[in-house]
Amino acid sequence: MGKFEVKEVKSGIKFNLKAGNGEVIATSEIYSTEGACMNGIESVKKNCLGNIEDQTVENYTPAKHPKFEIYKDKAGEFRFRLKAKNGEIIAVSEGYKAKASCQKGIESVKRNAPEAPVVKVEA
């Protein structure tokens, strides 16, 4: 089973959603308070079953929020970002060489996030 790991960084506090195998599936922005970070985790849990909008195909159909957006970064790798109902980005992925791997990352978030416990880790 996956888990949310919360940790302090130089400029604040952030979370990583990890799969059962320990791989980071998604990460958050840096929050100024632990409370804000916990709200971010709750938002991911609530919004992670959203639609998928594949921005790498021509004439893609925009999906309603909440949603996952698949896109290509400057290095040509596939990434996803999870957006809440209000359009705010609440979690992002690493870069993937293959779109299929990026899609598997989204499925892993959908599978792991809703029931994932929150664990605080030392930096």
PDB file of N, CA and C in Angstrom:
ATOM      1  N   MET A   1       0.840  -1.185   0.000  1.00  0.00           N
ATOM      2  CA  MET A   1       0.000   0.000   0.000  1.00  0.00           C
ATOM      3  C   MET A   1       0.882   1.245   0.000  1.00  0.00           C
ATOM      4  N   GLY A   2       0.407   2.290  -0.634  1.00  0.00           N
ATOM      5  CA  GLY A   2       1.149   3.539  -0.708  1.00  0.00           C
ATOM      6  C   GLY A   2       1.037   4.344   0.560  1.00  0.00           C
ATOM      7  N   LYS A   3       1.817   5.451   0.604  1.00  0.00           N
ATOM      8  CA  LYS A   3       1.766   6.349   1.752  1.00  0.00           C
ATOM      9  C   LYS A   3       2.193   7.742   1.337  1.00  0.00           C
ATOM     10  N   PHE A   4       1.710   8.725   2.081  1.00  0.00           N
ATOM     11  CA  PHE A   4       2.160  10.099   1.926  1.00  0.00           C
ATOM     12  C   PHE A   4       3.273  10.328   2.938  1.00  0.00           C
ATOM     13  N   GLU A   5       4.442  10.726   2.467  1.00  0.00           N
ATOM     14  CA  GLU A   5       5.526  11.075   3.364  1.00  0.00           C
ATOM     15  C   GLU A   5       5.641  12.595   3.415  1.00  0.00           C
ATOM     16  N   VAL A   6       5.552  13.136   4.620  1.00  0.00           N
ATOM     17  CA  VAL A   6       5.647  14.574   4.838  1.00  0.00           C
ATOM     18  C   VAL A   6       7.025  14.865   5.402  1.00  0.00           C
ATOM     19  N   LYS A   7       7.724  15.848   4.804  1.00  0.00           N
ATOM     20  CA  LYS A   7       9.043  16.185   5.332  1.00  0.00           C
ATOM     21  C   LYS A   7       9.342  17.665   5.177  1.00  0.00           C
ATOM     22  N   GLU A   8      10.162  18.133   6.105  1.00  0.00           N
ATOM     23  CA  GLU A   8      10.597  19.520   6.055  1.00  0.00           C
ATOM     24  C   GLU A   8      11.734  19.648   5.061  1.00  0.00           C
ATOM     25  N   VAL A   9      11.716  20.734   4.303  1.00  0.00           N
ATOM     26  CA  VAL A   9      12.801  21.081   3.391  1.00  0.00           C
ATOM     27  C   VAL A   9      13.249  22.496   3.751  1.00  0.00           C
ATOM     28  N   LYS A  10      14.313  22.963   3.116  1.00  0.00           N
ATOM     29  CA  LYS A  10      14.871  24.280   3.462  1.00  0.00           C
ATOM     30  C   LYS A  10      13.840  25.385   3.548  1.00  0.00           C
ATOM     31  N   SER A  11      12.936  25.425   2.577  1.00  0.00           N
ATOM     32  CA  SER A  11      12.019  26.564   2.495  1.00  0.00           C
ATOM     33  C   SER A  11      10.603  26.270   2.975  1.00  0.00           C
ATOM     34  N   GLY A  12      10.371  25.115   3.616  1.00  0.00           N
ATOM     35  CA  GLY A  12       9.027  24.822   4.100  1.00  0.00           C
ATOM     36  C   GLY A  12       8.811  23.346   4.344  1.00  0.00           C
ATOM     37  N   ILE A  13       7.644  22.866   3.918  1.00  0.00           N
ATOM     38  CA  ILE A  13       7.272  21.462   4.125  1.00  0.00           C
ATOM     39  C   ILE A  13       6.557  20.951   2.875  1.00  0.00           C
ATOM     40  N   LYS A  14       6.805  19.687   2.520  1.00  0.00           N
ATOM     41  CA  LYS A  14       6.200  19.116   1.310  1.00  0.00           C
ATOM     42  C   LYS A  14       5.843  17.663   1.550  1.00  0.00           C
ATOM     43  N   PHE A  15       5.122  17.074   0.588  1.00  0.00           N
ATOM     44  CA  PHE A  15       4.831  15.641   0.675  1.00  0.00           C
ATOM     45  C   PHE A  15       5.196  14.951  -0.620  1.00  0.00           C
ATOM     46  N   ASN A  16       5.503  13.668  -0.478  1.00  0.00           N
ATOM     47  CA  ASN A  16       5.652  12.761  -1.606  1.00  0.00           C
ATOM     48  C   ASN A  16       4.640  11.648  -1.409  1.00  0.00           C
ATOM     49  N   LEU A  17       3.942  11.282  -2.467  1.00  0.00           N
ATOM     50  CA  LEU A  17       3.100  10.094  -2.447  1.00  0.00           C
ATOM     51  C   LEU A  17       3.959   8.965  -2.982  1.00  0.00           C
ATOM     52  N   LYS A  18       4.145   7.930  -2.158  1.00  0.00           N
ATOM     53  CA  LYS A  18       4.968   6.795  -2.566  1.00  0.00           C
ATOM     54  C   LYS A  18       4.099   5.554  -2.749  1.00  0.00           C
ATOM     55  N   ALA A  19       4.448   4.771  -3.746  1.00  0.00           N
ATOM     56  CA  ALA A  19       3.770   3.493  -3.991  1.00  0.00           C
ATOM     57  C   ALA A  19       4.264   2.479  -2.964  1.00  0.00           C
ATOM     58  N   GLY A  20       3.629   1.325  -2.935  1.00  0.00           N
ATOM     59  CA  GLY A  20       4.017   0.261  -2.012  1.00  0.00           C
ATOM     60  C   GLY A  20       5.463  -0.164  -2.152  1.00  0.00           C
ATOM     61  N   ASN A  21       6.043  -0.004  -3.357  1.00  0.00           N
ATOM     62  CA  ASN A  21       7.430  -0.403  -3.588  1.00  0.00           C
ATOM     63  C   ASN A  21       8.424   0.701  -3.221  1.00  0.00           C
ATOM     64  N   GLY A  22       7.912   1.824  -2.681  1.00  0.00           N
ATOM     65  CA  GLY A  22       8.804   2.905  -2.252  1.00  0.00           C
ATOM     66  C   GLY A  22       9.086   3.957  -3.310  1.00  0.00           C
ATOM     67  N   GLU A  23       8.623   3.732  -4.538  1.00  0.00           N
ATOM     68  CA  GLU A  23       8.839   4.705  -5.604  1.00  0.00           C
ATOM     69  C   GLU A  23       7.959   5.935  -5.395  1.00  0.00           C
ATOM     70  N   VAL A  24       8.516   7.129  -5.634  1.00  0.00           N
ATOM     71  CA  VAL A  24       7.728   8.353  -5.560  1.00  0.00           C
ATOM     72  C   VAL A  24       6.841   8.423  -6.796  1.00  0.00           C
ATOM     73  N   ILE A  25       5.532   8.551  -6.582  1.00  0.00           N
ATOM     74  CA  ILE A  25       4.578   8.642  -7.693  1.00  0.00           C
ATOM     75  C   ILE A  25       4.279  10.106  -8.002  1.00  0.00           C
ATOM     76  N   ALA A  26       4.116  10.899  -6.941  1.00  0.00           N
ATOM     77  CA  ALA A  26       3.772  12.306  -7.118  1.00  0.00           C
ATOM     78  C   ALA A  26       4.330  13.101  -5.946  1.00  0.00           C
ATOM     79  N   THR A  27       4.574  14.376  -6.194  1.00  0.00           N
ATOM     80  CA  THR A  27       5.119  15.249  -5.166  1.00  0.00           C
ATOM     81  C   THR A  27       4.341  16.557  -5.142  1.00  0.00           C
ATOM     82  N   SER A  28       4.435  17.255  -4.029  1.00  0.00           N
ATOM     83  CA  SER A  28       3.682  18.501  -3.868  1.00  0.00           C
ATOM     84  C   SER A  28       4.586  19.705  -4.067  1.00  0.00           C
ATOM     85  N   GLU A  29       3.935  20.860  -4.028  1.00  0.00           N
ATOM     86  CA  GLU A  29       4.671  22.106  -3.946  1.00  0.00           C
ATOM     87  C   GLU A  29       5.238  22.197  -2.526  1.00  0.00           C
ATOM     88  N   ILE A  30       6.003  23.233  -2.249  1.00  0.00           N
ATOM     89  CA  ILE A  30       6.499  23.456  -0.901  1.00  0.00           C
ATOM     90  C   ILE A  30       5.522  24.388  -0.195  1.00  0.00           C
ATOM     91  N   TYR A  31       5.020  23.923   0.940  1.00  0.00           N
ATOM     92  CA  TYR A  31       4.062  24.687   1.735  1.00  0.00           C
ATOM     93  C   TYR A  31       4.784  25.408   2.861  1.00  0.00           C
ATOM     94  N   SER A  32       4.182  26.498   3.341  1.00  0.00           N
ATOM     95  CA  SER A  32       4.812  27.257   4.425  1.00  0.00           C
ATOM     96  C   SER A  32       4.495  26.666   5.798  1.00  0.00           C
ATOM     97  N   THR A  33       3.387  25.912   5.918  1.00  0.00           N
ATOM     98  CA  THR A  33       3.020  25.320   7.203  1.00  0.00           C
ATOM     99  C   THR A  33       2.646  23.860   7.032  1.00  0.00           C
ATOM    100  N   GLU A  34       2.735  23.116   8.130  1.00  0.00           N
ATOM    101  CA  GLU A  34       2.350  21.714   8.099  1.00  0.00           C
ATOM    102  C   GLU A  34       0.849  21.580   7.841  1.00  0.00           C
ATOM    103  N   GLY A  35       0.062  22.495   8.399  1.00  0.00           N
ATOM    104  CA  GLY A  35      -1.387  22.465   8.175  1.00  0.00           C
ATOM    105  C   GLY A  35      -1.737  22.600   6.707  1.00  0.00           C
ATOM    106  N   ALA A  36      -1.066  23.510   6.019  1.00  0.00           N
ATOM    107  CA  ALA A  36      -1.307  23.693   4.583  1.00  0.00           C
ATOM    108  C   ALA A  36      -0.923  22.432   3.815  1.00  0.00           C
ATOM    109  N   CYS A  37       0.169  21.795   4.226  1.00  0.00           N
ATOM    110  CA  CYS A  37       0.610  20.552   3.581  1.00  0.00           C
ATOM    111  C   CYS A  37      -0.441  19.452   3.784  1.00  0.00           C
ATOM    112  N   MET A  38      -0.975  19.349   4.999  1.00  0.00           N
ATOM    113  CA  MET A  38      -2.011  18.345   5.284  1.00  0.00           C
ATOM    114  C   MET A  38      -3.268  18.623   4.455  1.00  0.00           C
ATOM    115  N   ASN A  39      -3.607  19.884   4.284  1.00  0.00           N
ATOM    116  CA  ASN A  39      -4.736  20.236   3.415  1.00  0.00           C
ATOM    117  C   ASN A  39      -4.467  19.800   1.985  1.00  0.00           C
ATOM    118  N   GLY A  40      -3.220  19.945   1.531  1.00  0.00           N
ATOM    119  CA  GLY A  40      -2.835  19.497   0.192  1.00  0.00           C
ATOM    120  C   GLY A  40      -3.022  18.000   0.027  1.00  0.00           C
ATOM    121  N   ILE A  41      -2.631  17.241   1.047  1.00  0.00           N
ATOM    122  CA  ILE A  41      -2.806  15.784   1.008  1.00  0.00           C
ATOM    123  C   ILE A  41      -4.287  15.433   0.922  1.00  0.00           C
ATOM    124  N   GLU A  42      -5.111  16.084   1.741  1.00  0.00           N
ATOM    125  CA  GLU A  42      -6.553  15.829   1.705  1.00  0.00           C
ATOM    126  C   GLU A  42      -7.128  16.161   0.322  1.00  0.00           C
ATOM    127  N   SER A  43      -6.624  17.216  -0.282  1.00  0.00           N
ATOM    128  CA  SER A  43      -7.077  17.606  -1.616  1.00  0.00           C
ATOM    129  C   SER A  43      -6.707  16.538  -2.649  1.00  0.00           C
ATOM    130  N   VAL A  44      -5.498  15.982  -2.541  1.00  0.00           N
ATOM    131  CA  VAL A  44      -5.103  14.905  -3.460  1.00  0.00           C
ATOM    132  C   VAL A  44      -6.025  13.701  -3.264  1.00  0.00           C
ATOM    133  N   LYS A  45      -6.285  13.335  -2.018  1.00  0.00           N
ATOM    134  CA  LYS A  45      -7.166  12.189  -1.745  1.00  0.00           C
ATOM    135  C   LYS A  45      -8.556  12.399  -2.347  1.00  0.00           C
ATOM    136  N   LYS A  46      -9.077  13.629  -2.249  1.00  0.00           N
ATOM    137  CA  LYS A  46     -10.421  13.931  -2.756  1.00  0.00           C
ATOM    138  C   LYS A  46     -10.477  14.042  -4.274  1.00  0.00           C
ATOM    139  N   ASN A  47      -9.411  14.535  -4.885  1.00  0.00           N
ATOM    140  CA  ASN A  47      -9.437  14.861  -6.314  1.00  0.00           C
ATOM    141  C   ASN A  47      -8.736  13.855  -7.219  1.00  0.00           C
ATOM    142  N   CYS A  48      -8.164  12.793  -6.644  1.00  0.00           N
ATOM    143  CA  CYS A  48      -7.338  11.887  -7.449  1.00  0.00           C
ATOM    144  C   CYS A  48      -8.121  10.942  -8.351  1.00  0.00           C
ATOM    145  N   LEU A  49      -9.425  10.957  -8.273  1.00  0.00           N
ATOM    146  CA  LEU A  49     -10.200  10.080  -9.154  1.00  0.00           C
ATOM    147  C   LEU A  49     -10.757  10.844 -10.350  1.00  0.00           C
ATOM    148  N   GLY A  50     -10.157  12.006 -10.616  1.00  0.00           N
ATOM    149  CA  GLY A  50     -10.606  12.851 -11.713  1.00  0.00           C
ATOM    150  C   GLY A  50     -10.312  12.268 -13.083  1.00  0.00           C
ATOM    151  N   ASN A  51     -10.729  13.006 -14.089  1.00  0.00           N
ATOM    152  CA  ASN A  51     -10.532  12.607 -15.483  1.00  0.00           C
ATOM    153  C   ASN A  51      -9.076  12.783 -15.890  1.00  0.00           C
ATOM    154  N   ILE A  52      -8.754  12.295 -17.084  1.00  0.00           N
ATOM    155  CA  ILE A  52      -7.414  12.461 -17.645  1.00  0.00           C
ATOM    156  C   ILE A  52      -7.526  13.283 -18.917  1.00  0.00           C
ATOM    157  N   GLU A  53      -6.721  14.347 -18.993  1.00  0.00           N
ATOM    158  CA  GLU A  53      -6.654  15.206 -20.173  1.00  0.00           C
ATOM    159  C   GLU A  53      -5.274  15.018 -20.782  1.00  0.00           C
ATOM    160  N   ASP A  54      -5.212  14.425 -21.953  1.00  0.00           N
ATOM    161  CA  ASP A  54      -3.928  14.147 -22.618  1.00  0.00           C
ATOM    162  C   ASP A  54      -3.577  15.297 -23.549  1.00  0.00           C
ATOM    163  N   GLN A  55      -2.728  16.175 -23.067  1.00  0.00           N
ATOM    164  CA  GLN A  55      -2.345  17.354 -23.847  1.00  0.00           C
ATOM    165  C   GLN A  55      -1.256  17.053 -24.873  1.00  0.00           C
ATOM    166  N   THR A  56      -0.853  15.786 -24.984  1.00  0.00           N
ATOM    167  CA  THR A  56       0.177  15.428 -25.957  1.00  0.00           C
ATOM    168  C   THR A  56      -0.412  15.030 -27.300  1.00  0.00           C
ATOM    169  N   VAL A  57      -1.744  14.956 -27.382  1.00  0.00           N
ATOM    170  CA  VAL A  57      -2.384  14.635 -28.658  1.00  0.00           C
ATOM    171  C   VAL A  57      -2.979  15.898 -29.252  1.00  0.00           C
ATOM    172  N   GLU A  58      -3.000  15.953 -30.579  1.00  0.00           N
ATOM    173  CA  GLU A  58      -3.544  17.113 -31.261  1.00  0.00           C
ATOM    174  C   GLU A  58      -5.049  17.196 -31.035  1.00  0.00           C
ATOM    175  N   ASN A  59      -5.561  18.396 -30.892  1.00  0.00           N
ATOM    176  CA  ASN A  59      -6.993  18.640 -30.709  1.00  0.00           C
ATOM    177  C   ASN A  59      -7.596  17.847 -29.546  1.00  0.00           C
ATOM    178  N   TYR A  60      -6.835  17.770 -28.431  1.00  0.00           N
ATOM    179  CA  TYR A  60      -7.347  17.041 -27.266  1.00  0.00           C
ATOM    180  C   TYR A  60      -8.601  17.720 -26.726  1.00  0.00           C
ATOM    181  N   THR A  61      -9.420  16.926 -26.079  1.00  0.00           N
ATOM    182  CA  THR A  61     -10.647  17.444 -25.480  1.00  0.00           C
ATOM    183  C   THR A  61     -10.352  17.856 -24.041  1.00  0.00           C
ATOM    184  N   PRO A  62     -10.558  19.129 -23.698  1.00  0.00           N
ATOM    185  CA  PRO A  62     -10.325  19.552 -22.313  1.00  0.00           C
ATOM    186  C   PRO A  62     -11.259  18.800 -21.359  1.00  0.00           C
ATOM    187  N   ALA A  63     -10.713  18.378 -20.228  1.00  0.00           N
ATOM    188  CA  ALA A  63     -11.500  17.685 -19.210  1.00  0.00           C
ATOM    189  C   ALA A  63     -11.853  18.665 -18.098  1.00  0.00           C
ATOM    190  N   LYS A  64     -12.944  18.366 -17.406  1.00  0.00           N
ATOM    191  CA  LYS A  64     -13.348  19.201 -16.271  1.00  0.00           C
ATOM    192  C   LYS A  64     -12.423  18.935 -15.085  1.00  0.00           C
ATOM    193  N   HIS A  65     -12.292  19.932 -14.213  1.00  0.00           N
ATOM    194  CA  HIS A  65     -11.554  19.750 -12.968  1.00  0.00           C
ATOM    195  C   HIS A  65     -12.429  18.964 -12.000  1.00  0.00           C
ATOM    196  N   PRO A  66     -11.922  18.126 -11.142  1.00  0.00           N
ATOM    197  CA  PRO A  66     -10.504  17.801 -11.002  1.00  0.00           C
ATOM    198  C   PRO A  66     -10.051  16.912 -12.155  1.00  0.00           C
ATOM    199  N   LYS A  67      -8.757  16.993 -12.460  1.00  0.00           N
ATOM    200  CA  LYS A  67      -8.245  16.205 -13.580  1.00  0.00           C
ATOM    201  C   LYS A  67      -6.738  16.030 -13.485  1.00  0.00           C
ATOM    202  N   PHE A  68      -6.276  15.007 -14.183  1.00  0.00           N
ATOM    203  CA  PHE A  68      -4.857  14.806 -14.416  1.00  0.00           C
ATOM    204  C   PHE A  68      -4.569  15.350 -15.801  1.00  0.00           C
ATOM    205  N   GLU A  69      -3.512  16.117 -15.944  1.00  0.00           N
ATOM    206  CA  GLU A  69      -3.078  16.580 -17.262  1.00  0.00           C
ATOM    207  C   GLU A  69      -1.776  15.874 -17.610  1.00  0.00           C
ATOM    208  N   ILE A  70      -1.756  15.223 -18.766  1.00  0.00           N
ATOM    209  CA  ILE A  70      -0.525  14.617 -19.280  1.00  0.00           C
ATOM    210  C   ILE A  70       0.063  15.618 -20.273  1.00  0.00           C
ATOM    211  N   TYR A  71       1.341  15.902 -20.129  1.00  0.00           N
ATOM    212  CA  TYR A  71       1.996  16.850 -21.035  1.00  0.00           C
ATOM    213  C   TYR A  71       3.458  16.455 -21.217  1.00  0.00           C
ATOM    214  N   LYS A  72       4.116  17.086 -22.178  1.00  0.00           N
ATOM    215  CA  LYS A  72       5.547  16.869 -22.409  1.00  0.00           C
ATOM    216  C   LYS A  72       6.310  18.069 -21.869  1.00  0.00           C
ATOM    217  N   ASP A  73       7.402  17.792 -21.152  1.00  0.00           N
ATOM    218  CA  ASP A  73       8.219  18.887 -20.623  1.00  0.00           C
ATOM    219  C   ASP A  73       9.259  19.321 -21.663  1.00  0.00           C
ATOM    220  N   LYS A  74      10.083  20.281 -21.298  1.00  0.00           N
ATOM    221  CA  LYS A  74      11.079  20.823 -22.239  1.00  0.00           C
ATOM    222  C   LYS A  74      12.079  19.778 -22.706  1.00  0.00           C
ATOM    223  N   ALA A  75      12.307  18.764 -21.875  1.00  0.00           N
ATOM    224  CA  ALA A  75      13.244  17.690 -22.224  1.00  0.00           C
ATOM    225  C   ALA A  75      12.583  16.612 -23.075  1.00  0.00           C
ATOM    226  N   GLY A  76      11.279  16.774 -23.366  1.00  0.00           N
ATOM    227  CA  GLY A  76      10.571  15.789 -24.187  1.00  0.00           C
ATOM    228  C   GLY A  76      10.043  14.605 -23.402  1.00  0.00           C
ATOM    229  N   GLU A  77      10.084  14.691 -22.063  1.00  0.00           N
ATOM    230  CA  GLU A  77       9.557  13.601 -21.244  1.00  0.00           C
ATOM    231  C   GLU A  77       8.089  13.852 -20.904  1.00  0.00           C
ATOM    232  N   PHE A  78       7.385  12.757 -20.654  1.00  0.00           N
ATOM    233  CA  PHE A  78       5.971  12.844 -20.293  1.00  0.00           C
ATOM    234  C   PHE A  78       5.858  13.066 -18.785  1.00  0.00           C
ATOM    235  N   ARG A  79       4.948  13.931 -18.389  1.00  0.00           N
ATOM    236  CA  ARG A  79       4.687  14.213 -16.983  1.00  0.00           C
ATOM    237  C   ARG A  79       3.184  14.347 -16.792  1.00  0.00           C
ATOM    238  N   PHE A  80       2.755  14.249 -15.529  1.00  0.00           N
ATOM    239  CA  PHE A  80       1.368  14.580 -15.229  1.00  0.00           C
ATOM    240  C   PHE A  80       1.322  15.541 -14.058  1.00  0.00           C
ATOM    241  N   ARG A  81       0.243  16.296 -14.029  1.00  0.00           N
ATOM    242  CA  ARG A  81      -0.051  17.145 -12.875  1.00  0.00           C
ATOM    243  C   ARG A  81      -1.511  16.918 -12.528  1.00  0.00           C
ATOM    244  N   LEU A  82      -1.786  16.881 -11.233  1.00  0.00           N
ATOM    245  CA  LEU A  82      -3.145  16.725 -10.742  1.00  0.00           C
ATOM    246  C   LEU A  82      -3.652  18.098 -10.348  1.00  0.00           C
ATOM    247  N   LYS A  83      -4.799  18.463 -10.911  1.00  0.00           N
ATOM    248  CA  LYS A  83      -5.411  19.751 -10.599  1.00  0.00           C
ATOM    249  C   LYS A  83      -6.705  19.524  -9.825  1.00  0.00           C
ATOM    250  N   ALA A  84      -6.903  20.354  -8.807  1.00  0.00           N
ATOM    251  CA  ALA A  84      -8.108  20.280  -7.976  1.00  0.00           C
ATOM    252  C   ALA A  84      -9.293  20.904  -8.711  1.00  0.00           C
ATOM    253  N   LYS A  85     -10.454  20.858  -8.068  1.00  0.00           N
ATOM    254  CA  LYS A  85     -11.674  21.434  -8.656  1.00  0.00           C
ATOM    255  C   LYS A  85     -11.510  22.903  -9.005  1.00  0.00           C
ATOM    256  N   ASN A  86     -10.689  23.632  -8.225  1.00  0.00           N
ATOM    257  CA  ASN A  86     -10.490  25.069  -8.469  1.00  0.00           C
ATOM    258  C   ASN A  86      -9.392  25.355  -9.499  1.00  0.00           C
ATOM    259  N   GLY A  87      -8.807  24.296 -10.083  1.00  0.00           N
ATOM    260  CA  GLY A  87      -7.783  24.473 -11.101  1.00  0.00           C
ATOM    261  C   GLY A  87      -6.362  24.576 -10.568  1.00  0.00           C
ATOM    262  N   GLU A  88      -6.208  24.562  -9.241  1.00  0.00           N
ATOM    263  CA  GLU A  88      -4.870  24.627  -8.641  1.00  0.00           C
ATOM    264  C   GLU A  88      -4.144  23.295  -8.830  1.00  0.00           C
ATOM    265  N   ILE A  89      -2.842  23.361  -9.110  1.00  0.00           N
ATOM    266  CA  ILE A  89      -2.025  22.145  -9.200  1.00  0.00           C
ATOM    267  C   ILE A  89      -1.743  21.679  -7.774  1.00  0.00           C
ATOM    268  N   ILE A  90      -2.068  20.418  -7.483  1.00  0.00           N
ATOM    269  CA  ILE A  90      -1.875  19.907  -6.129  1.00  0.00           C
ATOM    270  C   ILE A  90      -0.833  18.793  -6.045  1.00  0.00           C
ATOM    271  N   ALA A  91      -0.433  18.228  -7.169  1.00  0.00           N
ATOM    272  CA  ALA A  91       0.623  17.213  -7.189  1.00  0.00           C
ATOM    273  C   ALA A  91       1.163  17.095  -8.607  1.00  0.00           C
ATOM    274  N   VAL A  92       2.454  16.765  -8.706  1.00  0.00           N
ATOM    275  CA  VAL A  92       3.097  16.602 -10.010  1.00  0.00           C
ATOM    276  C   VAL A  92       3.938  15.328 -10.009  1.00  0.00           C
ATOM    277  N   SER A  93       4.228  14.841 -11.203  1.00  0.00           N
ATOM    278  CA  SER A  93       5.015  13.613 -11.339  1.00  0.00           C
ATOM    279  C   SER A  93       6.446  13.931 -11.736  1.00  0.00           C
ATOM    280  N   GLU A  94       7.240  12.877 -11.757  1.00  0.00           N
ATOM    281  CA  GLU A  94       8.572  12.951 -12.340  1.00  0.00           C
ATOM    282  C   GLU A  94       8.418  12.861 -13.858  1.00  0.00           C
ATOM    283  N   GLY A  95       9.505  12.945 -14.588  1.00  0.00           N
ATOM    284  CA  GLY A  95       9.462  12.775 -16.037  1.00  0.00           C
ATOM    285  C   GLY A  95       9.551  11.306 -16.414  1.00  0.00           C
ATOM    286  N   TYR A  96       8.782  10.917 -17.410  1.00  0.00           N
ATOM    287  CA  TYR A  96       8.794   9.548 -17.925  1.00  0.00           C
ATOM    288  C   TYR A  96       9.190   9.571 -19.393  1.00  0.00           C
ATOM    289  N   LYS A  97       9.984   8.584 -19.812  1.00  0.00           N
ATOM    290  CA  LYS A  97      10.379   8.500 -21.227  1.00  0.00           C
ATOM    291  C   LYS A  97       9.201   8.053 -22.095  1.00  0.00           C
ATOM    292  N   ALA A  98       8.332   7.189 -21.550  1.00  0.00           N
ATOM    293  CA  ALA A  98       7.205   6.642 -22.314  1.00  0.00           C
ATOM    294  C   ALA A  98       5.878   7.135 -21.750  1.00  0.00           C
ATOM    295  N   LYS A  99       4.948   7.458 -22.638  1.00  0.00           N
ATOM    296  CA  LYS A  99       3.630   7.909 -22.199  1.00  0.00           C
ATOM    297  C   LYS A  99       2.924   6.819 -21.394  1.00  0.00           C
ATOM    298  N   ALA A 100       3.102   5.555 -21.776  1.00  0.00           N
ATOM    299  CA  ALA A 100       2.466   4.455 -21.049  1.00  0.00           C
ATOM    300  C   ALA A 100       2.914   4.437 -19.590  1.00  0.00           C
ATOM    301  N   SER A 101       4.165   4.749 -19.333  1.00  0.00           N
ATOM    302  CA  SER A 101       4.670   4.792 -17.955  1.00  0.00           C
ATOM    303  C   SER A 101       4.023   5.936 -17.186  1.00  0.00           C
ATOM    304  N   CYS A 102       3.837   7.064 -17.838  1.00  0.00           N
ATOM    305  CA  CYS A 102       3.174   8.211 -17.231  1.00  0.00           C
ATOM    306  C   CYS A 102       1.724   7.838 -16.877  1.00  0.00           C
ATOM    307  N   GLN A 103       1.051   7.155 -17.779  1.00  0.00           N
ATOM    308  CA  GLN A 103      -0.334   6.726 -17.534  1.00  0.00           C
ATOM    309  C   GLN A 103      -0.401   5.741 -16.369  1.00  0.00           C
ATOM    310  N   LYS A 104       0.614   4.862 -16.258  1.00  0.00           N
ATOM    311  CA  LYS A 104       0.665   3.934 -15.131  1.00  0.00           C
ATOM    312  C   LYS A 104       0.869   4.697 -13.830  1.00  0.00           C
ATOM    313  N   GLY A 105       1.626   5.796 -13.875  1.00  0.00           N
ATOM    314  CA  GLY A 105       1.810   6.635 -12.695  1.00  0.00           C
ATOM    315  C   GLY A 105       0.490   7.221 -12.221  1.00  0.00           C
ATOM    316  N   ILE A 106      -0.316   7.672 -13.163  1.00  0.00           N
ATOM    317  CA  ILE A 106      -1.647   8.212 -12.820  1.00  0.00           C
ATOM    318  C   ILE A 106      -2.504   7.123 -12.176  1.00  0.00           C
ATOM    319  N   GLU A 107      -2.504   5.940 -12.770  1.00  0.00           N
ATOM    320  CA  GLU A 107      -3.286   4.826 -12.213  1.00  0.00           C
ATOM    321  C   GLU A 107      -2.809   4.487 -10.805  1.00  0.00           C
ATOM    322  N   SER A 108      -1.515   4.592 -10.574  1.00  0.00           N
ATOM    323  CA  SER A 108      -0.960   4.315  -9.252  1.00  0.00           C
ATOM    324  C   SER A 108      -1.427   5.355  -8.230  1.00  0.00           C
ATOM    325  N   VAL A 109      -1.501   6.624  -8.643  1.00  0.00           N
ATOM    326  CA  VAL A 109      -2.022   7.659  -7.744  1.00  0.00           C
ATOM    327  C   VAL A 109      -3.474   7.347  -7.415  1.00  0.00           C
ATOM    328  N   LYS A 110      -4.259   7.018  -8.430  1.00  0.00           N
ATOM    329  CA  LYS A 110      -5.685   6.727  -8.213  1.00  0.00           C
ATOM    330  C   LYS A 110      -5.880   5.541  -7.267  1.00  0.00           C
ATOM    331  N   ARG A 111      -4.982   4.565  -7.367  1.00  0.00           N
ATOM    332  CA  ARG A 111      -5.066   3.351  -6.552  1.00  0.00           C
ATOM    333  C   ARG A 111      -4.570   3.600  -5.122  1.00  0.00           C
ATOM    334  N   ASN A 112      -3.489   4.353  -4.981  1.00  0.00           N
ATOM    335  CA  ASN A 112      -2.828   4.498  -3.685  1.00  0.00           C
ATOM    336  C   ASN A 112      -3.310   5.669  -2.829  1.00  0.00           C
ATOM    337  N   ALA A 113      -3.593   6.810  -3.436  1.00  0.00           N
ATOM    338  CA  ALA A 113      -3.835   8.026  -2.663  1.00  0.00           C
ATOM    339  C   ALA A 113      -5.059   7.983  -1.745  1.00  0.00           C
ATOM    340  N   PRO A 114      -6.212   7.459  -2.193  1.00  0.00           N
ATOM    341  CA  PRO A 114      -7.421   7.586  -1.345  1.00  0.00           C
ATOM    342  C   PRO A 114      -7.265   7.048   0.075  1.00  0.00           C
ATOM    343  N   GLU A 115      -6.564   5.946   0.254  1.00  0.00           N
ATOM    344  CA  GLU A 115      -6.460   5.311   1.572  1.00  0.00           C
ATOM    345  C   GLU A 115      -5.059   5.415   2.173  1.00  0.00           C
ATOM    346  N   ALA A 116      -4.158   6.131   1.527  1.00  0.00           N
ATOM    347  CA  ALA A 116      -2.764   6.175   1.974  1.00  0.00           C
ATOM    348  C   ALA A 116      -2.617   6.887   3.318  1.00  0.00           C
ATOM    349  N   PRO A 117      -1.894   6.250   4.258  1.00  0.00           N
ATOM    350  CA  PRO A 117      -1.639   6.923   5.530  1.00  0.00           C
ATOM    351  C   PRO A 117      -0.598   8.032   5.348  1.00  0.00           C
ATOM    352  N   VAL A 118      -0.557   8.930   6.315  1.00  0.00           N
ATOM    353  CA  VAL A 118       0.409  10.034   6.290  1.00  0.00           C
ATOM    354  C   VAL A 118       1.500   9.730   7.312  1.00  0.00           C
ATOM    355  N   VAL A 119       2.749   9.800   6.861  1.00  0.00           N
ATOM    356  CA  VAL A 119       3.898   9.507   7.709  1.00  0.00           C
ATOM    357  C   VAL A 119       4.849  10.696   7.664  1.00  0.00           C
ATOM    358  N   LYS A 120       5.303  11.147   8.824  1.00  0.00           N
ATOM    359  CA  LYS A 120       6.294  12.221   8.864  1.00  0.00           C
ATOM    360  C   LYS A 120       7.677  11.586   8.852  1.00  0.00           C
ATOM    361  N   VAL A 121       8.556  12.128   8.003  1.00  0.00           N
ATOM    362  CA  VAL A 121       9.927  11.625   7.926  1.00  0.00           C
ATOM    363  C   VAL A 121      10.890  12.759   8.246  1.00  0.00           C
ATOM    364  N   GLU A 122      12.028  12.384   8.775  1.00  0.00           N
ATOM    365  CA  GLU A 122      13.062  13.390   9.063  1.00  0.00           C
ATOM    366  C   GLU A 122      13.787  13.717   7.773  1.00  0.00           C
ATOM    367  N   ALA A 123      14.124  14.974   7.614  1.00  0.00           N
ATOM    368  CA  ALA A 123      14.804  15.439   6.392  1.00  0.00           C
ATOM    369  C   ALA A 123      16.226  14.895   6.328  1.00  0.00           C
TER     370      ALA A 123
END
